[in-house]
């Protein structure tokens, strides 16, 4: 009997007693596949939740940025410059308070913090700056003249103290004060005014006056603007076109 069983095993026929092990393996495979599928599904759900959270975070950040942009658009055009200016003024005030608490001079401390290169650059910038931008109107010209004259005034503090002692509170006039005929200028003051007026007259004489209209000049323009353009063209290119212009006038141009 044992020989028959071994012969059947050699022919590949399964043993009736050993067939249980292969059946248990077949039953375990579907369970393993289901566990793998569940794990993969859980992984996908986790990634989906992460993407959902990132989307909500991006939506929140976008909303905040839109609100901030709307606030910036409602602000004045020069708000950034004003803000920087106010922050700088606050820093200066804090620095002044710190210097006052230590008993130091703020201007001296500020100069100590400025490097030589920055100081030279600022000086060059001041020299390049031209405050006189030319004539715009008579009111602006009068204001520049007034500012120039007031910068030249050098106050006499000794004379001021004498006048304070002499007149007291009457030195500072009010709406009820009568000043006509009460002030007598000093000889030095009169000489200073005369010298300044002479300087103004001398400077005014150097200005070029407007050229009068010449009735005998050739009319080669159609309006005032065209006349100015022709004058500029003549000034820059007149020496190159003089011969052509003469030939055209004589009628001998080729």
Protein backbone atom coordinates (compact mmCIF):
# COMPACT_ATOMS: atom_id res chain seq x y z
CA UNK A 1 0.00 0.00 0.00
CA UNK A 2 2.80 2.36 0.87
CA UNK A 3 4.49 1.51 -2.41
CA UNK A 4 1.35 2.41 -4.32
CA UNK A 5 1.09 5.76 -2.58
CA UNK A 6 4.71 6.59 -3.34
CA UNK A 7 4.18 5.60 -6.96
CA UNK A 8 1.19 7.87 -7.22
CA UNK A 9 3.25 10.69 -5.66
CA UNK A 10 5.93 10.20 -8.27
CA UNK A 11 3.29 10.52 -11.01
CA UNK A 12 2.24 13.92 -9.59
CA UNK A 13 -1.04 12.90 -8.00
CA UNK A 14 -1.64 14.90 -4.79
CA UNK A 15 -1.66 13.10 -1.49
CA UNK A 16 -5.12 13.07 0.05
CA UNK A 17 -3.68 13.72 3.51
CA UNK A 18 -1.47 16.67 2.37
CA UNK A 19 -4.07 18.57 0.32
CA UNK A 20 -5.13 20.82 3.27
CA UNK A 21 -2.01 23.07 3.21
CA UNK A 22 -2.53 24.31 -0.39
CA UNK A 23 -6.18 25.07 0.36
CA UNK A 24 -5.27 27.29 3.33
CA UNK A 25 -2.82 29.23 1.14
CA UNK A 26 -5.53 29.86 -1.44
CA UNK A 27 -7.85 31.09 1.29
CA UNK A 28 -5.14 33.49 2.69
CA UNK A 29 -4.46 35.18 -0.67
CA UNK A 30 -7.82 37.02 -0.98
CA UNK A 31 -7.42 38.36 2.58
CA UNK A 32 -3.92 39.74 1.81
CA UNK A 33 -5.17 41.41 -1.40
CA UNK A 34 -8.06 43.03 0.49
CA UNK A 35 -5.65 44.37 3.15
CA UNK A 36 -3.37 45.84 0.45
CA UNK A 37 -6.35 47.46 -1.28
CA UNK A 38 -7.53 48.95 2.01
CA UNK A 39 -4.06 50.28 2.77
CA UNK A 40 -3.80 51.85 -0.70
CA UNK A 41 -7.24 53.39 -0.29
CA UNK A 42 -6.24 54.83 3.11
CA UNK A 43 -3.08 56.29 1.57
CA UNK A 44 -5.08 57.93 -1.18
CA UNK A 45 -7.58 59.36 1.30
CA UNK A 46 -4.72 60.77 3.39
CA UNK A 47 -3.23 62.50 0.31
CA UNK A 48 -6.67 63.80 -0.61
CA UNK A 49 -7.11 65.29 2.90
CA UNK A 50 -3.66 66.91 2.66
CA UNK A 51 -4.53 68.43 -0.72
CA UNK A 52 -7.84 69.65 0.67
CA UNK A 53 -6.08 71.33 3.61
CA UNK A 54 -3.52 72.96 1.29
CA UNK A 55 -6.31 74.25 -0.94
CA UNK A 56 -8.12 75.78 2.05
CA UNK A 57 -4.86 77.36 3.26
CA UNK A 58 -4.15 78.79 -0.21
CA UNK A 59 -7.72 80.14 -0.41
CA UNK A 60 -7.30 81.82 2.99
CA UNK A 61 -3.95 83.38 2.02
CA UNK A 62 -5.38 84.62 -1.29
CA UNK A 63 -8.29 86.23 0.53
CA UNK A 64 -5.91 87.96 2.95
CA UNK A 65 -3.78 89.21 0.07
CA UNK A 66 -6.85 90.56 -1.74
CA UNK A 67 -7.93 92.42 1.41
CA UNK A 68 -4.44 93.89 1.87
CA UNK A 69 -4.28 94.93 -1.78
CA UNK A 70 -7.66 96.62 -1.49
CA UNK A 71 -6.42 98.54 1.55
CA UNK A 72 -3.28 99.61 -0.34
CA UNK A 73 -5.32 100.80 -3.32
CA UNK A 74 -7.51 102.93 -1.06
CA UNK A 75 -4.46 104.65 0.47
CA UNK A 76 -3.01 107.88 -1.02
CA UNK A 77 -0.47 107.60 -3.82
CA UNK A 78 2.41 108.80 -1.64
CA UNK A 79 1.47 106.75 1.42
CA UNK A 80 4.68 104.71 1.36
CA UNK A 81 6.81 107.85 1.32
CA UNK A 82 4.75 109.40 4.12
CA UNK A 83 5.01 106.22 6.17
CA UNK A 84 8.78 106.08 5.71
CA UNK A 85 9.00 109.77 6.63
CA UNK A 86 6.94 109.29 9.81
CA UNK A 87 9.01 106.26 10.84
CA UNK A 88 12.20 108.27 10.29
CA UNK A 89 10.82 111.17 12.37
CA UNK A 90 9.91 108.79 15.20
CA UNK A 91 13.43 107.36 15.16
CA UNK A 92 14.88 110.87 15.25
CA UNK A 93 12.67 111.83 18.19
CA UNK A 94 13.70 108.70 20.09
CA UNK A 95 17.35 109.45 19.34
CA UNK A 96 16.95 113.02 20.57
CA UNK A 97 15.36 111.81 23.81
CA UNK A 98 18.19 109.33 24.36
CA UNK A 99 20.81 112.05 23.76
CA UNK A 100 18.97 114.45 26.08
CA UNK A 101 18.85 111.78 28.79
CA UNK A 102 22.62 111.24 28.47
CA UNK A 103 23.29 115.00 28.32
CA UNK A 104 24.70 114.87 24.77
CA UNK A 105 24.15 117.12 21.78
CA UNK A 106 22.04 115.33 19.16
CA UNK A 107 23.54 117.23 16.20
CA UNK A 108 27.04 116.28 17.28
CA UNK A 109 26.08 112.62 17.77
CA UNK A 110 24.40 112.56 14.35
CA UNK A 111 27.50 113.97 12.67
CA UNK A 112 29.66 111.38 14.38
CA UNK A 113 27.56 108.61 12.82
CA UNK A 114 27.96 110.00 9.27
CA UNK A 115 30.90 108.65 7.31
CA UNK A 116 33.26 110.90 5.36
CA UNK A 117 32.14 109.42 2.05
CA UNK A 118 28.48 110.18 2.77
CA UNK A 119 29.33 113.72 3.84
CA UNK A 120 31.31 114.35 0.65
CA UNK A 121 28.52 112.91 -1.49
CA UNK A 122 25.93 115.15 0.17
CA UNK A 123 28.15 118.21 -0.30
CA UNK A 124 28.58 117.43 -4.00
CA UNK A 125 24.83 116.97 -4.32
CA UNK A 126 24.20 120.35 -2.68
CA UNK A 127 26.62 122.04 -5.07
CA UNK A 128 24.99 120.44 -8.11
CA UNK A 129 21.52 121.47 -6.98
CA UNK A 130 20.24 124.61 -8.70
CA UNK A 131 17.30 126.09 -6.78
CA UNK A 132 16.62 128.64 -9.52
CA UNK A 133 14.56 126.74 -12.07
CA UNK A 134 14.06 129.78 -14.29
CA UNK A 135 11.18 132.17 -14.72
CA UNK A 136 7.73 130.72 -14.20
CA UNK A 137 5.69 133.78 -13.16
CA UNK A 138 6.24 137.14 -11.51
CA UNK A 139 5.00 135.96 -8.11
CA UNK A 140 7.60 133.15 -8.01
CA UNK A 141 10.34 135.55 -9.14
CA UNK A 142 9.34 138.01 -6.41
CA UNK A 143 9.39 135.22 -3.81
CA UNK A 144 12.89 134.12 -4.86
CA UNK A 145 14.09 137.71 -4.68
CA UNK A 146 12.58 138.11 -1.20
CA UNK A 147 14.18 134.89 0.04
CA UNK A 148 17.55 135.87 -1.41
CA UNK A 149 17.43 139.28 0.29
CA UNK A 150 16.34 137.87 3.66
CA UNK A 151 19.19 135.30 3.58
CA UNK A 152 21.63 138.17 3.21
CA UNK A 153 20.35 139.95 6.31
CA UNK A 154 22.66 139.63 9.29
CA UNK A 155 20.82 140.61 12.49
CA UNK A 156 22.51 143.01 14.88
CA UNK A 157 21.79 141.45 18.28
CA UNK A 158 23.45 144.28 20.23
CA UNK A 159 21.21 146.88 18.60
CA UNK A 160 18.23 144.61 19.21
CA UNK A 161 18.98 144.41 22.93
CA UNK A 162 19.34 148.20 23.10
CA UNK A 163 15.98 148.67 21.42
CA UNK A 164 14.39 146.21 23.84
CA UNK A 165 15.71 148.18 26.78
CA UNK A 166 14.62 151.47 25.21
CA UNK A 167 11.08 150.61 24.08
CA UNK A 168 10.20 147.59 26.22
CA UNK A 169 6.89 146.01 25.22
CA UNK A 170 6.33 148.77 22.62
CA UNK A 171 9.02 147.11 20.50
CA UNK A 172 6.51 144.38 19.63
CA UNK A 173 3.65 146.19 17.87
CA UNK A 174 0.03 145.14 18.04
CA UNK A 175 -3.06 146.16 16.09
CA UNK A 176 -3.35 149.29 18.28
CA UNK A 177 0.27 150.42 17.79
CA UNK A 178 1.04 153.58 15.82
CA UNK A 179 4.39 153.18 14.07
CA UNK A 180 4.27 155.89 11.44
CA UNK A 181 7.14 158.33 11.93
CA UNK A 182 8.46 156.68 15.07
CA UNK A 183 11.31 154.69 13.50
CA UNK A 184 14.50 156.46 12.46
CA UNK A 185 16.93 154.19 10.54
CA UNK A 186 20.60 154.30 11.41
CA UNK A 187 23.26 155.56 9.02
CA UNK A 188 24.70 152.04 8.69
CA UNK A 189 21.29 150.69 7.77
CA UNK A 190 20.79 153.36 5.10
CA UNK A 191 24.25 152.68 3.64
CA UNK A 192 23.53 148.96 3.56
CA UNK A 193 20.24 149.53 1.73
CA UNK A 194 21.89 151.86 -0.80
CA UNK A 195 24.67 149.33 -1.48
CA UNK A 196 22.13 146.56 -2.00
CA UNK A 197 20.07 148.68 -4.39
CA UNK A 198 23.16 149.55 -6.39
CA UNK A 199 24.00 145.84 -6.67
CA UNK A 200 20.48 145.14 -7.92
CA UNK A 201 20.70 147.90 -10.52
CA UNK A 202 24.09 146.64 -11.71
CA UNK A 203 22.82 143.10 -12.00
CA UNK A 204 19.66 144.23 -13.80
CA UNK A 205 21.69 146.05 -16.42
CA UNK A 206 23.42 142.78 -17.39
CA UNK A 207 20.13 141.14 -18.33
CA UNK A 208 19.40 140.99 -22.06
CA UNK A 209 16.27 142.79 -23.07
CA UNK A 210 13.71 141.45 -25.48
CA UNK A 211 14.63 142.24 -29.05
CA UNK A 212 12.24 144.69 -30.73
CA UNK A 213 10.34 143.67 -33.82
CA UNK A 214 12.21 144.44 -37.05
CA UNK A 215 9.89 145.60 -39.83
CA UNK A 216 12.60 145.28 -42.50
CA UNK A 217 13.35 141.61 -41.76
CA UNK A 218 12.26 138.97 -44.26
CA UNK A 219 8.99 137.27 -43.42
CA UNK A 220 9.71 133.55 -43.65
CA UNK A 221 7.17 132.29 -41.13
CA UNK A 222 3.43 131.80 -40.86
CA UNK A 223 2.97 132.29 -37.12
CA UNK A 224 4.90 133.04 -33.94
CA UNK A 225 5.73 129.41 -33.27
CA UNK A 226 7.07 128.94 -36.78
CA UNK A 227 9.16 132.11 -36.41
CA UNK A 228 10.82 130.72 -33.27
CA UNK A 229 11.54 127.43 -35.04
CA UNK A 230 13.09 129.25 -38.01
CA UNK A 231 15.32 131.26 -35.67
CA UNK A 232 16.58 128.08 -34.02
CA UNK A 233 17.19 126.43 -37.39
CA UNK A 234 19.06 129.51 -38.61
CA UNK A 235 21.18 129.60 -35.47
CA UNK A 236 22.29 125.96 -35.81
CA UNK A 237 22.30 125.39 -39.57
CA UNK A 238 22.47 128.87 -41.07
CA UNK A 239 26.18 128.74 -41.91
CA UNK A 240 25.68 125.48 -43.80
CA UNK A 241 22.67 126.64 -45.83
CA UNK A 242 23.68 130.25 -46.51
CA UNK A 243 24.87 129.53 -50.08
CA UNK A 244 21.77 127.47 -50.93
CA UNK A 245 19.55 130.25 -49.61
CA UNK A 246 21.38 132.88 -51.70
CA UNK A 247 21.06 130.77 -54.85
CA UNK A 248 17.34 130.36 -54.25
CA UNK A 249 16.91 134.10 -53.79
CA UNK A 250 18.87 134.87 -56.98
CA UNK A 251 17.14 132.14 -58.92
CA UNK A 252 20.41 130.43 -59.83
CA UNK A 253 19.90 127.28 -57.84
CA UNK A 254 20.54 124.06 -59.75
